[in-house]
Amino acid sequence: MDVRKLMLMAGALVFAAICAVTARTMIGGTTQQAIAAAPAEPTGPQVLVATKTLPPGTIIGPDAVRYQTWPKDLVDNAYYIKGQQPGVAAVQGTVVRYTVTAGQPITQGAVIKPGDRGFLAAALAPGMRAVSISVTTQASVAGFVFPGDRVDLLLTQTVAGGGDQPLKASETIIRNLRVLATDQKTDKTSDADGKTQVVAFSNVTLEATPKIAEKIAVAQAVGTLSLSLRSIADDRMELEREIAAGEVNAPADTKTEKDMLVQIASRPVDTNTTATTGGDVSRYQPSHIAPKQTPETAANAMVQTAKAVVHAVAPGGMIVVARGNNVTVTPLGASAAPGGN
């Protein structure tokens, strides 16, 4: 092997060694920079913060707040600090006074507690009213309705008619009502550990427009009211129904759709109601109001029945004599034929 090839091989080895050292230095420097740039974990107490934006009038539920470590130098005495003040259990069922953004600490002045003066007024949206109704344990979803939930209102009544059986009917008269309070005990829905307590109640306070509040007052005098708990997913279904019915225009972008969902989620609806009668659930119940029976209509019915019977046995004709409820039928060509009473 000549000297020239040996020099080329030696130069290639030296170049490779230089590249390896350079690459190792660059990787090590990048790693050290990444470690130096990584933010240090905040050290300090855990405070109660909002998990989502809470607009004014929001009734705080278990998924609206959580504990988060907060820098010690930025902790305020008004914060709910874990271990020092009652936290999650203390704010359950309270109403937000002003907007609290996601990740912002909950202050004691930002919420108003049940029993405090102006609690319901703070919970009500502008232009809305609070109306209370009486419900039974079965009619209140066995106590599984809490402040902040959305419910439909059902009216069950007995409609008198002319038949032997009155009409049994139930209808959904109002949808998407917000629950404000249950038996004025919104501060007792959680125990000391923050666990939800299921307590039966007999009165429910709902948020409604002035017109719907009037309808609810009349409905209480008409029949029995029941609550039907709504799913959170019903808001999107309601928007799709309104778009399909041409009641609203299809949203052009995601933000518009989100705004429409918020609007739909916050308003009660008293249109497009549904109804179920006794005939829809049992073949032995009527499905409509029977016509009212008068003496004249009863007599006519008896005559028609008698005519049908005689025509079957005496096609040649008959003589029908009705005296009140007594009907005498005589086929032609016969001396007498008893009628029906």
C-alpha atoms as a PDB file:
ATOM      1  CA  MET A   1       0.000   0.000   0.000  1.00  0.00           C
ATOM      2  CA  ASP A   2       1.401   3.339  -0.990  1.00  0.00           C
ATOM      3  CA  VAL A   3       1.874   6.321   1.278  1.00  0.00           C
ATOM      4  CA  ARG A   4      -0.896   8.328  -0.407  1.00  0.00           C
ATOM      5  CA  LYS A   5      -3.614   5.824   0.482  1.00  0.00           C
ATOM      6  CA  LEU A   6      -2.400   5.626   4.066  1.00  0.00           C
ATOM      7  CA  MET A   7      -2.613   9.391   4.412  1.00  0.00           C
ATOM      8  CA  LEU A   8      -6.166   9.408   3.030  1.00  0.00           C
ATOM      9  CA  MET A   9      -7.309   6.717   5.468  1.00  0.00           C
ATOM     10  CA  ALA A  10      -5.699   8.517   8.399  1.00  0.00           C
ATOM     11  CA  GLY A  11      -7.385  11.768   7.397  1.00  0.00           C
ATOM     12  CA  ALA A  12     -10.789  10.034   7.169  1.00  0.00           C
ATOM     13  CA  LEU A  13     -10.389   8.575  10.677  1.00  0.00           C
ATOM     14  CA  VAL A  14      -9.422  11.938  12.107  1.00  0.00           C
ATOM     15  CA  PHE A  15     -12.436  13.614  10.421  1.00  0.00           C
ATOM     16  CA  ALA A  16     -14.815  10.942  11.757  1.00  0.00           C
ATOM     17  CA  ALA A  17     -13.456  11.384  15.273  1.00  0.00           C
ATOM     18  CA  ILE A  18     -13.891  15.154  15.068  1.00  0.00           C
ATOM     19  CA  CYS A  19     -17.541  14.731  13.866  1.00  0.00           C
ATOM     20  CA  ALA A  20     -18.335  12.320  16.707  1.00  0.00           C
ATOM     21  CA  VAL A  21     -16.922  14.656  19.349  1.00  0.00           C
ATOM     22  CA  THR A  22     -18.782  17.637  17.863  1.00  0.00           C
ATOM     23  CA  ALA A  23     -22.089  15.778  17.752  1.00  0.00           C
ATOM     24  CA  ARG A  24     -21.720  14.598  21.337  1.00  0.00           C
ATOM     25  CA  THR A  25     -20.991  18.120  22.497  1.00  0.00           C
ATOM     26  CA  MET A  26     -24.025  19.511  20.662  1.00  0.00           C
ATOM     27  CA  ILE A  27     -26.380  16.848  22.055  1.00  0.00           C
ATOM     28  CA  GLY A  28     -25.073  17.318  25.555  1.00  0.00           C
ATOM     29  CA  GLY A  29     -25.452  21.077  25.327  1.00  0.00           C
ATOM     30  CA  THR A  30     -29.013  20.776  24.026  1.00  0.00           C
ATOM     31  CA  THR A  31     -29.956  18.417  26.840  1.00  0.00           C
ATOM     32  CA  GLN A  32     -28.469  20.761  29.431  1.00  0.00           C
ATOM     33  CA  GLN A  33     -30.359  23.699  27.880  1.00  0.00           C
ATOM     34  CA  ALA A  34     -33.610  21.717  27.916  1.00  0.00           C
ATOM     35  CA  ILE A  35     -33.078  20.818  31.556  1.00  0.00           C
ATOM     36  CA  ALA A  36     -32.269  24.439  32.370  1.00  0.00           C
ATOM     37  CA  ALA A  37     -35.294  25.702  30.401  1.00  0.00           C
ATOM     38  CA  ALA A  38     -37.742  23.322  32.093  1.00  0.00           C
ATOM     39  CA  PRO A  39     -39.844  25.362  34.539  1.00  0.00           C
ATOM     40  CA  ALA A  40     -39.441  24.497  38.134  1.00  0.00           C
ATOM     41  CA  GLU A  41     -42.414  22.895  39.831  1.00  0.00           C
ATOM     42  CA  PRO A  42     -44.278  25.492  41.873  1.00  0.00           C
ATOM     43  CA  THR A  43     -43.971  25.005  45.584  1.00  0.00           C
ATOM     44  CA  GLY A  44     -46.691  26.178  47.883  1.00  0.00           C
ATOM     45  CA  PRO A  45     -50.126  25.304  49.258  1.00  0.00           C
ATOM     46  CA  GLN A  46     -52.962  23.911  47.160  1.00  0.00           C
ATOM     47  CA  VAL A  47     -55.796  26.329  46.461  1.00  0.00           C
ATOM     48  CA  LEU A  48     -59.211  25.827  44.929  1.00  0.00           C
ATOM     49  CA  VAL A  49     -59.354  26.910  41.256  1.00  0.00           C
ATOM     50  CA  ALA A  50     -62.004  26.812  38.534  1.00  0.00           C
ATOM     51  CA  THR A  51     -61.717  23.968  36.028  1.00  0.00           C
ATOM     52  CA  LYS A  52     -63.716  25.955  33.446  1.00  0.00           C
ATOM     53  CA  THR A  53     -64.967  29.475  32.956  1.00  0.00           C
ATOM     54  CA  LEU A  54     -67.787  30.192  35.426  1.00  0.00           C
ATOM     55  CA  PRO A  55     -70.067  33.042  34.320  1.00  0.00           C
ATOM     56  CA  PRO A  56     -72.180  34.994  36.850  1.00  0.00           C
ATOM     57  CA  GLY A  57     -75.149  33.004  38.170  1.00  0.00           C
ATOM     58  CA  THR A  58     -73.435  29.620  37.768  1.00  0.00           C
ATOM     59  CA  ILE A  59     -74.270  27.105  40.485  1.00  0.00           C
ATOM     60  CA  ILE A  60     -70.973  25.395  41.313  1.00  0.00           C
ATOM     61  CA  GLY A  61     -71.025  21.619  40.948  1.00  0.00           C
ATOM     62  CA  PRO A  62     -68.435  18.934  41.806  1.00  0.00           C
ATOM     63  CA  ASP A  63     -66.763  19.164  38.374  1.00  0.00           C
ATOM     64  CA  ALA A  64     -66.379  22.958  38.387  1.00  0.00           C
ATOM     65  CA  VAL A  65     -63.484  23.242  40.854  1.00  0.00           C
ATOM     66  CA  ARG A  66     -60.313  21.379  41.840  1.00  0.00           C
ATOM     67  CA  TYR A  67     -57.200  21.854  43.970  1.00  0.00           C
ATOM     68  CA  GLN A  68     -53.997  23.125  42.349  1.00  0.00           C
ATOM     69  CA  THR A  69     -50.570  23.964  43.742  1.00  0.00           C
ATOM     70  CA  TRP A  70     -50.092  27.730  43.891  1.00  0.00           C
ATOM     71  CA  PRO A  71     -46.924  29.771  44.442  1.00  0.00           C
ATOM     72  CA  LYS A  72     -46.635  30.614  48.116  1.00  0.00           C
ATOM     73  CA  ASP A  73     -45.865  34.284  47.459  1.00  0.00           C
ATOM     74  CA  LEU A  74     -49.086  34.693  45.435  1.00  0.00           C
ATOM     75  CA  VAL A  75     -51.484  33.051  47.886  1.00  0.00           C
ATOM     76  CA  ASP A  76     -54.175  35.404  49.177  1.00  0.00           C
ATOM     77  CA  ASN A  77     -56.095  35.047  52.420  1.00  0.00           C
ATOM     78  CA  ALA A  78     -59.362  35.035  50.428  1.00  0.00           C
ATOM     79  CA  TYR A  79     -58.438  31.775  48.659  1.00  0.00           C
ATOM     80  CA  TYR A  80     -59.816  28.400  49.704  1.00  0.00           C
ATOM     81  CA  ILE A  81     -56.637  26.671  50.891  1.00  0.00           C
ATOM     82  CA  LYS A  82     -56.562  22.910  51.321  1.00  0.00           C
ATOM     83  CA  GLY A  83     -56.197  21.922  54.957  1.00  0.00           C
ATOM     84  CA  GLN A  84     -56.886  25.417  56.291  1.00  0.00           C
ATOM     85  CA  GLN A  85     -60.459  26.067  55.144  1.00  0.00           C
ATOM     86  CA  PRO A  86     -63.337  23.867  54.015  1.00  0.00           C
ATOM     87  CA  GLY A  87     -62.694  23.490  50.295  1.00  0.00           C
ATOM     88  CA  VAL A  88     -64.802  21.588  47.773  1.00  0.00           C
ATOM     89  CA  ALA A  89     -67.623  20.914  50.225  1.00  0.00           C
ATOM     90  CA  ALA A  90     -67.768  24.597  51.152  1.00  0.00           C
ATOM     91  CA  VAL A  91     -68.421  25.830  47.598  1.00  0.00           C
ATOM     92  CA  GLN A  92     -70.819  23.100  46.443  1.00  0.00           C
ATOM     93  CA  GLY A  93     -74.166  24.693  45.604  1.00  0.00           C
ATOM     94  CA  THR A  94     -72.858  28.254  45.868  1.00  0.00           C
ATOM     95  CA  VAL A  95     -73.523  30.826  43.132  1.00  0.00           C
ATOM     96  CA  VAL A  96     -70.825  32.759  41.289  1.00  0.00           C
ATOM     97  CA  ARG A  97     -71.117  36.549  41.681  1.00  0.00           C
ATOM     98  CA  TYR A  98     -68.832  37.509  38.776  1.00  0.00           C
ATOM     99  CA  THR A  99     -66.968  35.706  36.002  1.00  0.00           C
ATOM    100  CA  VAL A 100     -64.190  33.354  37.140  1.00  0.00           C
ATOM    101  CA  THR A 101     -61.931  32.193  34.302  1.00  0.00           C
ATOM    102  CA  ALA A 102     -60.559  28.662  34.013  1.00  0.00           C
ATOM    103  CA  GLY A 103     -57.541  28.154  36.272  1.00  0.00           C
ATOM    104  CA  GLN A 104     -58.287  31.212  38.391  1.00  0.00           C
ATOM    105  CA  PRO A 105     -58.515  30.707  42.179  1.00  0.00           C
ATOM    106  CA  ILE A 106     -61.960  30.833  43.766  1.00  0.00           C
ATOM    107  CA  THR A 107     -62.160  33.600  46.340  1.00  0.00           C
ATOM    108  CA  GLN A 108     -64.590  33.776  49.208  1.00  0.00           C
ATOM    109  CA  GLY A 109     -66.024  36.971  47.808  1.00  0.00           C
ATOM    110  CA  ALA A 110     -66.605  35.442  44.359  1.00  0.00           C
ATOM    111  CA  VAL A 111     -69.416  33.176  45.539  1.00  0.00           C
ATOM    112  CA  ILE A 112     -72.597  33.585  47.521  1.00  0.00           C
ATOM    113  CA  LYS A 113     -73.747  30.735  49.751  1.00  0.00           C
ATOM    114  CA  PRO A 114     -77.265  29.298  50.122  1.00  0.00           C
ATOM    115  CA  GLY A 115     -79.090  31.001  52.905  1.00  0.00           C
ATOM    116  CA  ASP A 116     -77.281  34.282  52.356  1.00  0.00           C
ATOM    117  CA  ARG A 117     -79.340  37.294  51.453  1.00  0.00           C
ATOM    118  CA  GLY A 118     -79.765  37.601  47.704  1.00  0.00           C
ATOM    119  CA  PHE A 119     -78.791  33.997  46.938  1.00  0.00           C
ATOM    120  CA  LEU A 120     -81.671  33.305  44.520  1.00  0.00           C
ATOM    121  CA  ALA A 121     -81.411  36.761  42.973  1.00  0.00           C
ATOM    122  CA  ALA A 122     -77.748  36.083  42.204  1.00  0.00           C
ATOM    123  CA  ALA A 123     -78.563  32.653  40.750  1.00  0.00           C
ATOM    124  CA  LEU A 124     -81.241  33.981  38.406  1.00  0.00           C
ATOM    125  CA  ALA A 125     -80.260  34.978  34.886  1.00  0.00           C
ATOM    126  CA  PRO A 126     -81.423  38.407  33.674  1.00  0.00           C
ATOM    127  CA  GLY A 127     -85.128  38.410  32.890  1.00  0.00           C
ATOM    128  CA  MET A 128     -85.780  35.080  34.637  1.00  0.00           C
ATOM    129  CA  ARG A 129     -87.963  34.247  37.623  1.00  0.00           C
ATOM    130  CA  ALA A 130     -87.850  31.640  40.415  1.00  0.00           C
ATOM    131  CA  VAL A 131     -90.925  29.424  40.855  1.00  0.00           C
ATOM    132  CA  SER A 132     -91.365  26.560  43.339  1.00  0.00           C
ATOM    133  CA  ILE A 133     -93.388  23.383  42.811  1.00  0.00           C
ATOM    134  CA  SER A 134     -94.350  20.479  45.067  1.00  0.00           C
ATOM    135  CA  VAL A 135     -93.193  17.003  44.056  1.00  0.00           C
ATOM    136  CA  THR A 136     -93.253  13.512  45.530  1.00  0.00           C
ATOM    137  CA  THR A 137     -90.216  11.245  45.948  1.00  0.00           C
ATOM    138  CA  GLN A 138     -91.073   9.391  42.747  1.00  0.00           C
ATOM    139  CA  ALA A 139     -91.806  12.610  40.868  1.00  0.00           C
ATOM    140  CA  SER A 140     -88.419  14.085  41.847  1.00  0.00           C
ATOM    141  CA  VAL A 141     -86.289  11.263  40.363  1.00  0.00           C
ATOM    142  CA  ALA A 142     -85.908   9.764  43.854  1.00  0.00           C
ATOM    143  CA  GLY A 143     -83.836  12.719  45.038  1.00  0.00           C
ATOM    144  CA  PHE A 144     -81.217  12.528  42.257  1.00  0.00           C
ATOM    145  CA  VAL A 145     -81.895  16.109  41.152  1.00  0.00           C
ATOM    146  CA  PHE A 146     -79.462  18.736  42.404  1.00  0.00           C
ATOM    147  CA  PRO A 147     -79.097  22.516  41.990  1.00  0.00           C
ATOM    148  CA  GLY A 148     -77.720  23.282  38.558  1.00  0.00           C
ATOM    149  CA  ASP A 149     -79.299  20.248  36.859  1.00  0.00           C
ATOM    150  CA  ARG A 150     -81.643  20.606  33.886  1.00  0.00           C
ATOM    151  CA  VAL A 151     -85.081  18.953  33.954  1.00  0.00           C
ATOM    152  CA  ASP A 152     -88.259  18.607  31.911  1.00  0.00           C
ATOM    153  CA  LEU A 153     -91.623  19.240  33.571  1.00  0.00           C
ATOM    154  CA  LEU A 154     -94.406  16.667  33.109  1.00  0.00           C
ATOM    155  CA  LEU A 155     -98.102  17.228  33.836  1.00  0.00           C
ATOM    156  CA  THR A 156    -100.292  14.194  34.586  1.00  0.00           C
ATOM    157  CA  GLN A 157    -104.060  14.597  34.814  1.00  0.00           C
ATOM    158  CA  THR A 158    -107.393  12.809  34.506  1.00  0.00           C
ATOM    159  CA  VAL A 159    -109.679  14.216  31.815  1.00  0.00           C
ATOM    160  CA  ALA A 160    -113.384  13.537  32.350  1.00  0.00           C
ATOM    161  CA  GLY A 161    -115.548  12.634  29.365  1.00  0.00           C
ATOM    162  CA  GLY A 162    -118.814  10.958  28.452  1.00  0.00           C
ATOM    163  CA  GLY A 163    -117.518   7.398  28.569  1.00  0.00           C
ATOM    164  CA  ASP A 164    -117.306   4.974  31.446  1.00  0.00           C
ATOM    165  CA  GLN A 165    -113.541   5.479  31.761  1.00  0.00           C
ATOM    166  CA  PRO A 166    -111.998   8.964  32.122  1.00  0.00           C
ATOM    167  CA  LEU A 167    -108.985   9.740  29.959  1.00  0.00           C
ATOM    168  CA  LYS A 168    -105.575   9.403  31.629  1.00  0.00           C
ATOM    169  CA  ALA A 169    -103.025  11.747  30.049  1.00  0.00           C
ATOM    170  CA  SER A 170     -99.461  12.904  30.688  1.00  0.00           C
ATOM    171  CA  GLU A 171     -97.599  15.554  28.695  1.00  0.00           C
ATOM    172  CA  THR A 172     -94.238  17.267  28.733  1.00  0.00           C
ATOM    173  CA  ILE A 173     -95.275  20.889  29.063  1.00  0.00           C
ATOM    174  CA  ILE A 174     -91.840  22.567  29.545  1.00  0.00           C
ATOM    175  CA  ARG A 175     -88.313  21.418  28.716  1.00  0.00           C
ATOM    176  CA  ASN A 176     -84.843  22.445  29.884  1.00  0.00           C
ATOM    177  CA  LEU A 177     -85.663  24.094  33.204  1.00  0.00           C
ATOM    178  CA  ARG A 178     -82.722  24.812  35.510  1.00  0.00           C
ATOM    179  CA  VAL A 179     -82.991  23.661  39.125  1.00  0.00           C
ATOM    180  CA  LEU A 180     -82.114  26.442  41.567  1.00  0.00           C
ATOM    181  CA  ALA A 181     -82.807  24.777  44.910  1.00  0.00           C
ATOM    182  CA  THR A 182     -84.450  21.761  46.522  1.00  0.00           C
ATOM    183  CA  ASP A 183     -86.350  22.364  49.753  1.00  0.00           C
ATOM    184  CA  GLN A 184     -84.044  25.343  50.444  1.00  0.00           C
ATOM    185  CA  LYS A 185     -81.284  22.840  51.341  1.00  0.00           C
ATOM    186  CA  THR A 186     -78.737  23.444  48.639  1.00  0.00           C
ATOM    187  CA  ASP A 187     -76.029  23.716  51.269  1.00  0.00           C
ATOM    188  CA  LYS A 188     -76.560  20.102  52.439  1.00  0.00           C
ATOM    189  CA  THR A 189     -75.972  18.223  49.192  1.00  0.00           C
ATOM    190  CA  SER A 190     -72.432  17.284  50.280  1.00  0.00           C
ATOM    191  CA  ASP A 191     -70.967  15.943  53.501  1.00  0.00           C
ATOM    192  CA  ALA A 192     -67.723  16.953  55.201  1.00  0.00           C
ATOM    193  CA  ASP A 193     -65.680  14.823  52.779  1.00  0.00           C
ATOM    194  CA  GLY A 194     -67.268  16.432  49.722  1.00  0.00           C
ATOM    195  CA  LYS A 195     -69.311  13.332  48.845  1.00  0.00           C
ATOM    196  CA  THR A 196     -72.750  13.932  47.378  1.00  0.00           C
ATOM    197  CA  GLN A 197     -75.680  13.066  49.629  1.00  0.00           C
ATOM    198  CA  VAL A 198     -78.944  11.875  48.077  1.00  0.00           C
ATOM    199  CA  VAL A 199     -81.759  13.407  50.139  1.00  0.00           C
ATOM    200  CA  ALA A 200     -85.451  13.179  49.317  1.00  0.00           C
ATOM    201  CA  PHE A 201     -87.278  16.498  49.050  1.00  0.00           C
ATOM    202  CA  SER A 202     -90.808  17.730  48.484  1.00  0.00           C
ATOM    203  CA  ASN A 203     -90.242  21.167  46.928  1.00  0.00           C
ATOM    204  CA  VAL A 204     -88.122  22.245  43.982  1.00  0.00           C
ATOM    205  CA  THR A 205     -87.346  25.811  42.895  1.00  0.00           C
ATOM    206  CA  LEU A 206     -86.953  26.247  39.127  1.00  0.00           C
ATOM    207  CA  GLU A 207     -85.750  29.069  36.886  1.00  0.00           C
ATOM    208  CA  ALA A 208     -88.311  30.170  34.301  1.00  0.00           C
ATOM    209  CA  THR A 209     -89.386  33.108  32.174  1.00  0.00           C
ATOM    210  CA  PRO A 210     -92.345  35.153  33.488  1.00  0.00           C
ATOM    211  CA  LYS A 211     -94.717  33.515  30.980  1.00  0.00           C
ATOM    212  CA  ILE A 212     -93.531  29.988  31.755  1.00  0.00           C
ATOM    213  CA  ALA A 213     -93.835  30.743  35.487  1.00  0.00           C
ATOM    214  CA  GLU A 214     -97.529  31.506  34.878  1.00  0.00           C
ATOM    215  CA  LYS A 215     -97.954  28.208  33.026  1.00  0.00           C
ATOM    216  CA  ILE A 216     -96.327  26.304  35.891  1.00  0.00           C
ATOM    217  CA  ALA A 217     -98.672  27.949  38.407  1.00  0.00           C
ATOM    218  CA  VAL A 218    -101.711  26.889  36.363  1.00  0.00           C
ATOM    219  CA  ALA A 219    -100.319  23.382  35.809  1.00  0.00           C
ATOM    220  CA  GLN A 220    -100.078  22.829  39.585  1.00  0.00           C
ATOM    221  CA  ALA A 221    -103.834  23.422  39.839  1.00  0.00           C
ATOM    222  CA  VAL A 222    -104.629  21.185  36.866  1.00  0.00           C
ATOM    223  CA  GLY A 223    -102.851  17.976  37.848  1.00  0.00           C
ATOM    224  CA  THR A 224     -99.695  16.392  39.259  1.00  0.00           C
ATOM    225  CA  LEU A 225     -96.243  17.636  38.252  1.00  0.00           C
ATOM    226  CA  SER A 226     -93.195  15.397  37.802  1.00  0.00           C
ATOM    227  CA  LEU A 227     -89.549  16.029  36.964  1.00  0.00           C
ATOM    228  CA  SER A 228     -87.588  14.300  34.216  1.00  0.00           C
ATOM    229  CA  LEU A 229     -83.797  14.709  34.468  1.00  0.00           C
ATOM    230  CA  ARG A 230     -82.114  15.772  31.222  1.00  0.00           C
ATOM    231  CA  SER A 231     -78.786  14.599  29.827  1.00  0.00           C
ATOM    232  CA  ILE A 232     -76.032  17.103  29.102  1.00  0.00           C
ATOM    233  CA  ALA A 233     -75.897  15.777  25.516  1.00  0.00           C
ATOM    234  CA  ASP A 234     -79.471  16.952  24.892  1.00  0.00           C
ATOM    235  CA  ASP A 235     -78.232  20.491  24.157  1.00  0.00           C
ATOM    236  CA  ARG A 236     -76.601  19.443  20.870  1.00  0.00           C
ATOM    237  CA  MET A 237     -79.618  17.314  19.941  1.00  0.00           C
ATOM    238  CA  GLU A 238     -81.880  20.303  20.535  1.00  0.00           C
ATOM    239  CA  LEU A 239     -79.690  22.449  18.265  1.00  0.00           C
ATOM    240  CA  GLU A 240     -79.808  19.821  15.516  1.00  0.00           C
ATOM    241  CA  ARG A 241     -83.594  19.600  15.818  1.00  0.00           C
ATOM    242  CA  GLU A 242     -84.001  23.368  15.498  1.00  0.00           C
ATOM    243  CA  ILE A 243     -81.716  23.424  12.448  1.00  0.00           C
ATOM    244  CA  ALA A 244     -83.671  20.580  10.820  1.00  0.00           C
ATOM    245  CA  ALA A 245     -86.966  22.337  11.546  1.00  0.00           C
ATOM    246  CA  GLY A 246     -85.676  25.575  10.021  1.00  0.00           C
ATOM    247  CA  GLU A 247     -86.091  27.463  13.300  1.00  0.00           C
ATOM    248  CA  VAL A 248     -82.434  28.579  13.234  1.00  0.00           C
ATOM    249  CA  ASN A 249     -79.784  28.809  10.539  1.00  0.00           C
ATOM    250  CA  ALA A 250     -76.946  26.291  10.557  1.00  0.00           C
ATOM    251  CA  PRO A 251     -73.852  27.712  12.341  1.00  0.00           C
ATOM    252  CA  ALA A 252     -71.051  28.704   9.986  1.00  0.00           C
ATOM    253  CA  ASP A 253     -68.156  28.084  12.363  1.00  0.00           C
ATOM    254  CA  THR A 254     -67.279  26.385  15.630  1.00  0.00           C
ATOM    255  CA  LYS A 255     -67.522  29.562  17.713  1.00  0.00           C
ATOM    256  CA  THR A 256     -71.024  30.323  16.436  1.00  0.00           C
ATOM    257  CA  GLU A 257     -72.087  26.758  17.163  1.00  0.00           C
ATOM    258  CA  LYS A 258     -70.671  26.996  20.691  1.00  0.00           C
ATOM    259  CA  ASP A 259     -72.521  30.273  21.317  1.00  0.00           C
ATOM    260  CA  MET A 260     -75.762  28.724  20.081  1.00  0.00           C
ATOM    261  CA  LEU A 261     -75.264  25.707  22.333  1.00  0.00           C
ATOM    262  CA  VAL A 262     -74.757  27.984  25.329  1.00  0.00           C
ATOM    263  CA  GLN A 263     -77.918  29.899  24.421  1.00  0.00           C
ATOM    264  CA  ILE A 264     -79.966  26.718  24.016  1.00  0.00           C
ATOM    265  CA  ALA A 265     -78.605  25.287  27.274  1.00  0.00           C
ATOM    266  CA  SER A 266     -79.719  28.351  29.240  1.00  0.00           C
ATOM    267  CA  ARG A 267     -83.313  28.755  28.075  1.00  0.00           C
ATOM    268  CA  PRO A 268     -86.468  26.820  29.006  1.00  0.00           C
ATOM    269  CA  VAL A 269     -88.741  25.783  26.134  1.00  0.00           C
ATOM    270  CA  ASP A 270     -92.538  25.475  26.216  1.00  0.00           C
ATOM    271  CA  THR A 271     -93.122  24.586  22.545  1.00  0.00           C
ATOM    272  CA  ASN A 272     -93.187  21.280  20.637  1.00  0.00           C
ATOM    273  CA  THR A 273     -94.672  19.520  23.646  1.00  0.00           C
ATOM    274  CA  THR A 274     -95.419  15.799  23.611  1.00  0.00           C
ATOM    275  CA  ALA A 275     -98.297  13.878  25.204  1.00  0.00           C
ATOM    276  CA  THR A 276     -99.154  10.274  26.077  1.00  0.00           C
ATOM    277  CA  THR A 277    -102.646   8.968  26.852  1.00  0.00           C
ATOM    278  CA  GLY A 278    -103.847   5.820  28.581  1.00  0.00           C
ATOM    279  CA  GLY A 279    -104.518   4.153  25.229  1.00  0.00           C
ATOM    280  CA  ASP A 280    -100.817   4.481  24.330  1.00  0.00           C
ATOM    281  CA  VAL A 281     -99.731   2.276  27.237  1.00  0.00           C
ATOM    282  CA  SER A 282    -102.701  -0.062  27.721  1.00  0.00           C
ATOM    283  CA  ARG A 283    -105.285  -1.493  25.312  1.00  0.00           C
ATOM    284  CA  TYR A 284    -107.858  -1.306  28.089  1.00  0.00           C
ATOM    285  CA  GLN A 285    -107.607   2.475  28.408  1.00  0.00           C
ATOM    286  CA  PRO A 286    -109.171   5.057  26.089  1.00  0.00           C
ATOM    287  CA  SER A 287    -106.918   7.071  23.791  1.00  0.00           C
ATOM    288  CA  HIS A 288    -109.257  10.044  23.419  1.00  0.00           C
ATOM    289  CA  ILE A 289    -112.098  11.771  25.241  1.00  0.00           C
ATOM    290  CA  ALA A 290    -115.343   9.847  24.710  1.00  0.00           C
ATOM    291  CA  PRO A 291    -118.348  11.916  23.535  1.00  0.00           C
ATOM    292  CA  LYS A 292    -120.752  12.960  26.230  1.00  0.00           C
ATOM    293  CA  GLN A 293    -123.822  10.708  26.485  1.00  0.00           C
ATOM    294  CA  THR A 294    -127.244  12.375  26.727  1.00  0.00           C
ATOM    295  CA  PRO A 295    -130.634  10.607  27.088  1.00  0.00           C
ATOM    296  CA  GLU A 296    -131.360  11.297  23.435  1.00  0.00           C
ATOM    297  CA  THR A 297    -128.046   9.893  22.191  1.00  0.00           C
ATOM    298  CA  ALA A 298    -128.435   6.865  24.467  1.00  0.00           C
ATOM    299  CA  ALA A 299    -131.942   6.172  23.102  1.00  0.00           C
ATOM    300  CA  ASN A 300    -130.756   6.579  19.515  1.00  0.00           C
ATOM    301  CA  ALA A 301    -127.930   4.148  20.170  1.00  0.00           C
ATOM    302  CA  MET A 302    -130.402   1.595  21.551  1.00  0.00           C
ATOM    303  CA  VAL A 303    -132.667   2.027  18.539  1.00  0.00           C
ATOM    304  CA  GLN A 304    -129.803   1.539  16.110  1.00  0.00           C
ATOM    305  CA  THR A 305    -128.736  -1.583  17.983  1.00  0.00           C
ATOM    306  CA  ALA A 306    -132.301  -2.954  17.913  1.00  0.00           C
ATOM    307  CA  LYS A 307    -132.621  -2.245  14.179  1.00  0.00           C
ATOM    308  CA  ALA A 308    -129.431  -4.123  13.484  1.00  0.00           C
ATOM    309  CA  VAL A 309    -130.670  -7.142  15.430  1.00  0.00           C
ATOM    310  CA  VAL A 310    -134.090  -7.209  13.762  1.00  0.00           C
ATOM    311  CA  HIS A 311    -132.648  -6.772  10.269  1.00  0.00           C
ATOM    312  CA  ALA A 312    -130.618  -9.872  10.928  1.00  0.00           C
ATOM    313  CA  VAL A 313    -133.683 -11.967  11.868  1.00  0.00           C
ATOM    314  CA  ALA A 314    -136.448 -10.108   9.932  1.00  0.00           C
ATOM    315  CA  PRO A 315    -135.170  -8.751   6.626  1.00  0.00           C
ATOM    316  CA  GLY A 316    -138.726  -7.803   5.601  1.00  0.00           C
ATOM    317  CA  GLY A 317    -138.967  -4.824   7.924  1.00  0.00           C
ATOM    318  CA  MET A 318    -140.012  -3.878  11.451  1.00  0.00           C
ATOM    319  CA  ILE A 319    -141.847  -1.408  13.659  1.00  0.00           C
ATOM    320  CA  VAL A 320    -139.809   0.271  16.394  1.00  0.00           C
ATOM    321  CA  VAL A 321    -141.524   2.054  19.293  1.00  0.00           C
ATOM    322  CA  ALA A 322    -139.349   3.925  21.788  1.00  0.00           C
ATOM    323  CA  ARG A 323    -140.753   5.214  25.097  1.00  0.00           C
ATOM    324  CA  GLY A 324    -137.911   6.807  27.053  1.00  0.00           C
ATOM    325  CA  ASN A 325    -135.319   4.124  27.533  1.00  0.00           C
ATOM    326  CA  ASN A 326    -137.747   1.338  26.619  1.00  0.00           C
ATOM    327  CA  VAL A 327    -137.646   0.214  22.992  1.00  0.00           C
ATOM    328  CA  THR A 328    -140.200  -2.211  21.482  1.00  0.00           C
ATOM    329  CA  VAL A 329    -139.445  -3.824  18.096  1.00  0.00           C
ATOM    330  CA  THR A 330    -142.118  -5.642  16.054  1.00  0.00           C
ATOM    331  CA  PRO A 331    -141.075  -7.320  12.793  1.00  0.00           C
ATOM    332  CA  LEU A 332    -143.538  -6.909   9.966  1.00  0.00           C
ATOM    333  CA  GLY A 333    -145.688  -9.965   9.631  1.00  0.00           C
ATOM    334  CA  ALA A 334    -145.303 -10.896  13.295  1.00  0.00           C
ATOM    335  CA  SER A 335    -147.651 -10.198  16.178  1.00  0.00           C
ATOM    336  CA  ALA A 336    -144.967  -8.994  18.559  1.00  0.00           C
ATOM    337  CA  ALA A 337    -141.285  -9.086  19.132  1.00  0.00           C
ATOM    338  CA  PRO A 338    -139.511  -8.111  22.333  1.00  0.00           C
ATOM    339  CA  GLY A 339    -137.164  -5.194  22.073  1.00  0.00           C
ATOM    340  CA  GLY A 340    -134.045  -4.291  23.978  1.00  0.00           C
ATOM    341  CA  ASN A 341    -133.966  -2.161  27.103  1.00  0.00           C
END
